[in-house]
Amino acid sequence: MVSTFLRGFIYLAVFFLLSFLGIIGIKLFTSWAIPGWASILSVSLFNSMLLCLGFFAIGLLLVNTAQRRERAGRHLYRTRP
């Protein structure tokens, strides 16, 4: 389960990095740039990255807690026989 969260976070981090590099490339090497759009888009990507990092950390904490409870014999839920 931890590897699923880690893999998802790595995919998102690579996507955000490539997007940021694309923004910088368009801003510096083309005439398509509109004043102010690169900074707004970069800040939006950075905020999205922080949110994904937070979800990753919360997911790891939940998985760790569930595994410790299961090892101790206290499950998070009960099923009917």
C-alpha atoms as a PDB file:
ATOM      1  CA  MET A   1       0.000   0.000   0.000  1.00  0.00           C
ATOM      2  CA  VAL A   2       2.848   2.382   0.808  1.00  0.00           C
ATOM      3  CA  SER A   3       4.390   1.764  -2.592  1.00  0.00           C
ATOM      4  CA  THR A   4       1.096   2.787  -4.236  1.00  0.00           C
ATOM      5  CA  PHE A   5       1.138   6.144  -2.461  1.00  0.00           C
ATOM      6  CA  LEU A   6       4.825   6.616  -3.240  1.00  0.00           C
ATOM      7  CA  ARG A   7       4.398   5.720  -6.900  1.00  0.00           C
ATOM      8  CA  GLY A   8       1.459   8.106  -7.249  1.00  0.00           C
ATOM      9  CA  PHE A   9       3.386  10.907  -5.583  1.00  0.00           C
ATOM     10  CA  ILE A  10       6.408  10.346  -7.835  1.00  0.00           C
ATOM     11  CA  TYR A  11       4.211  10.425 -10.949  1.00  0.00           C
ATOM     12  CA  LEU A  12       2.623  13.675  -9.828  1.00  0.00           C
ATOM     13  CA  ALA A  13       5.991  15.189  -8.912  1.00  0.00           C
ATOM     14  CA  VAL A  14       7.381  14.363 -12.359  1.00  0.00           C
ATOM     15  CA  PHE A  15       4.257  15.793 -14.003  1.00  0.00           C
ATOM     16  CA  PHE A  16       4.549  19.032 -12.017  1.00  0.00           C
ATOM     17  CA  LEU A  17       8.265  19.305 -12.752  1.00  0.00           C
ATOM     18  CA  LEU A  18       7.726  18.818 -16.495  1.00  0.00           C
ATOM     19  CA  SER A  19       4.871  21.330 -16.435  1.00  0.00           C
ATOM     20  CA  PHE A  20       7.035  23.868 -14.644  1.00  0.00           C
ATOM     21  CA  LEU A  21       9.870  23.337 -17.120  1.00  0.00           C
ATOM     22  CA  GLY A  22       7.375  23.797 -19.959  1.00  0.00           C
ATOM     23  CA  ILE A  23       6.193  27.067 -18.428  1.00  0.00           C
ATOM     24  CA  ILE A  24       9.763  28.321 -18.123  1.00  0.00           C
ATOM     25  CA  GLY A  25      10.558  27.205 -21.677  1.00  0.00           C
ATOM     26  CA  ILE A  26       7.532  28.982 -23.145  1.00  0.00           C
ATOM     27  CA  LYS A  27       8.243  32.101 -21.103  1.00  0.00           C
ATOM     28  CA  LEU A  28      11.920  32.373 -22.084  1.00  0.00           C
ATOM     29  CA  PHE A  29      12.111  30.955 -25.593  1.00  0.00           C
ATOM     30  CA  THR A  30       8.845  31.876 -27.352  1.00  0.00           C
ATOM     31  CA  SER A  31       6.766  34.953 -27.968  1.00  0.00           C
ATOM     32  CA  TRP A  32       3.566  33.289 -26.690  1.00  0.00           C
ATOM     33  CA  ALA A  33       3.974  34.603 -23.148  1.00  0.00           C
ATOM     34  CA  ILE A  34       1.239  36.834 -21.745  1.00  0.00           C
ATOM     35  CA  PRO A  35       2.409  39.108 -18.904  1.00  0.00           C
ATOM     36  CA  GLY A  36       1.733  37.524 -15.523  1.00  0.00           C
ATOM     37  CA  TRP A  37       0.580  34.101 -16.672  1.00  0.00           C
ATOM     38  CA  ALA A  38       3.824  32.257 -15.910  1.00  0.00           C
ATOM     39  CA  SER A  39       3.978  33.382 -12.290  1.00  0.00           C
ATOM     40  CA  ILE A  40       0.297  32.596 -11.643  1.00  0.00           C
ATOM     41  CA  LEU A  41       0.574  29.178 -13.247  1.00  0.00           C
ATOM     42  CA  SER A  42       3.819  28.404 -11.398  1.00  0.00           C
ATOM     43  CA  VAL A  43       2.295  29.331  -8.034  1.00  0.00           C
ATOM     44  CA  SER A  44      -0.777  27.228  -8.823  1.00  0.00           C
ATOM     45  CA  LEU A  45       1.409  24.235  -9.666  1.00  0.00           C
ATOM     46  CA  PHE A  46       3.428  24.738  -6.488  1.00  0.00           C
ATOM     47  CA  ASN A  47       0.248  24.844  -4.381  1.00  0.00           C
ATOM     48  CA  SER A  48      -1.002  21.678  -6.076  1.00  0.00           C
ATOM     49  CA  MET A  49       2.323  20.010  -5.341  1.00  0.00           C
ATOM     50  CA  LEU A  50       2.055  20.943  -1.659  1.00  0.00           C
ATOM     51  CA  LEU A  51      -1.483  19.535  -1.514  1.00  0.00           C
ATOM     52  CA  CYS A  52      -0.308  16.276  -3.079  1.00  0.00           C
ATOM     53  CA  LEU A  53       2.559  16.102  -0.609  1.00  0.00           C
ATOM     54  CA  GLY A  54       0.080  16.566   2.249  1.00  0.00           C
ATOM     55  CA  PHE A  55      -2.187  13.806   0.920  1.00  0.00           C
ATOM     56  CA  PHE A  56       0.851  11.555   0.548  1.00  0.00           C
ATOM     57  CA  ALA A  57       1.885  12.177   4.165  1.00  0.00           C
ATOM     58  CA  ILE A  58      -1.652  11.598   5.471  1.00  0.00           C
ATOM     59  CA  GLY A  59      -1.925   8.397   3.443  1.00  0.00           C
ATOM     60  CA  LEU A  60       1.325   7.103   4.879  1.00  0.00           C
ATOM     61  CA  LEU A  61       0.184   7.890   8.399  1.00  0.00           C
ATOM     62  CA  LEU A  62      -3.136   6.093   7.857  1.00  0.00           C
ATOM     63  CA  VAL A  63      -1.451   3.014   6.408  1.00  0.00           C
ATOM     64  CA  ASN A  64       1.080   2.941   9.244  1.00  0.00           C
ATOM     65  CA  THR A  65      -1.665   3.280  11.861  1.00  0.00           C
ATOM     66  CA  ALA A  66      -3.771   0.546  10.265  1.00  0.00           C
ATOM     67  CA  GLN A  67      -0.793  -1.828  10.089  1.00  0.00           C
ATOM     68  CA  ARG A  68       0.144  -1.233  13.731  1.00  0.00           C
ATOM     69  CA  ARG A  69      -3.438  -1.771  14.875  1.00  0.00           C
ATOM     70  CA  GLU A  70      -3.700  -4.950  12.842  1.00  0.00           C
ATOM     71  CA  ARG A  71      -0.455  -6.323  14.306  1.00  0.00           C
ATOM     72  CA  ALA A  72      -1.789  -5.621  17.807  1.00  0.00           C
ATOM     73  CA  GLY A  73      -5.034  -7.461  16.992  1.00  0.00           C
ATOM     74  CA  ARG A  74      -7.220  -4.352  17.086  1.00  0.00           C
ATOM     75  CA  HIS A  75      -8.778  -3.917  13.660  1.00  0.00           C
ATOM     76  CA  LEU A  76     -10.235  -0.631  12.509  1.00  0.00           C
ATOM     77  CA  TYR A  77     -13.516  -2.356  11.666  1.00  0.00           C
ATOM     78  CA  ARG A  78     -15.394  -5.549  12.482  1.00  0.00           C
ATOM     79  CA  THR A  79     -17.153  -7.867  10.104  1.00  0.00           C
ATOM     80  CA  ARG A  80     -20.124  -9.997  10.939  1.00  0.00           C
ATOM     81  CA  PRO A  81     -19.597 -13.765  10.802  1.00  0.00           C
END
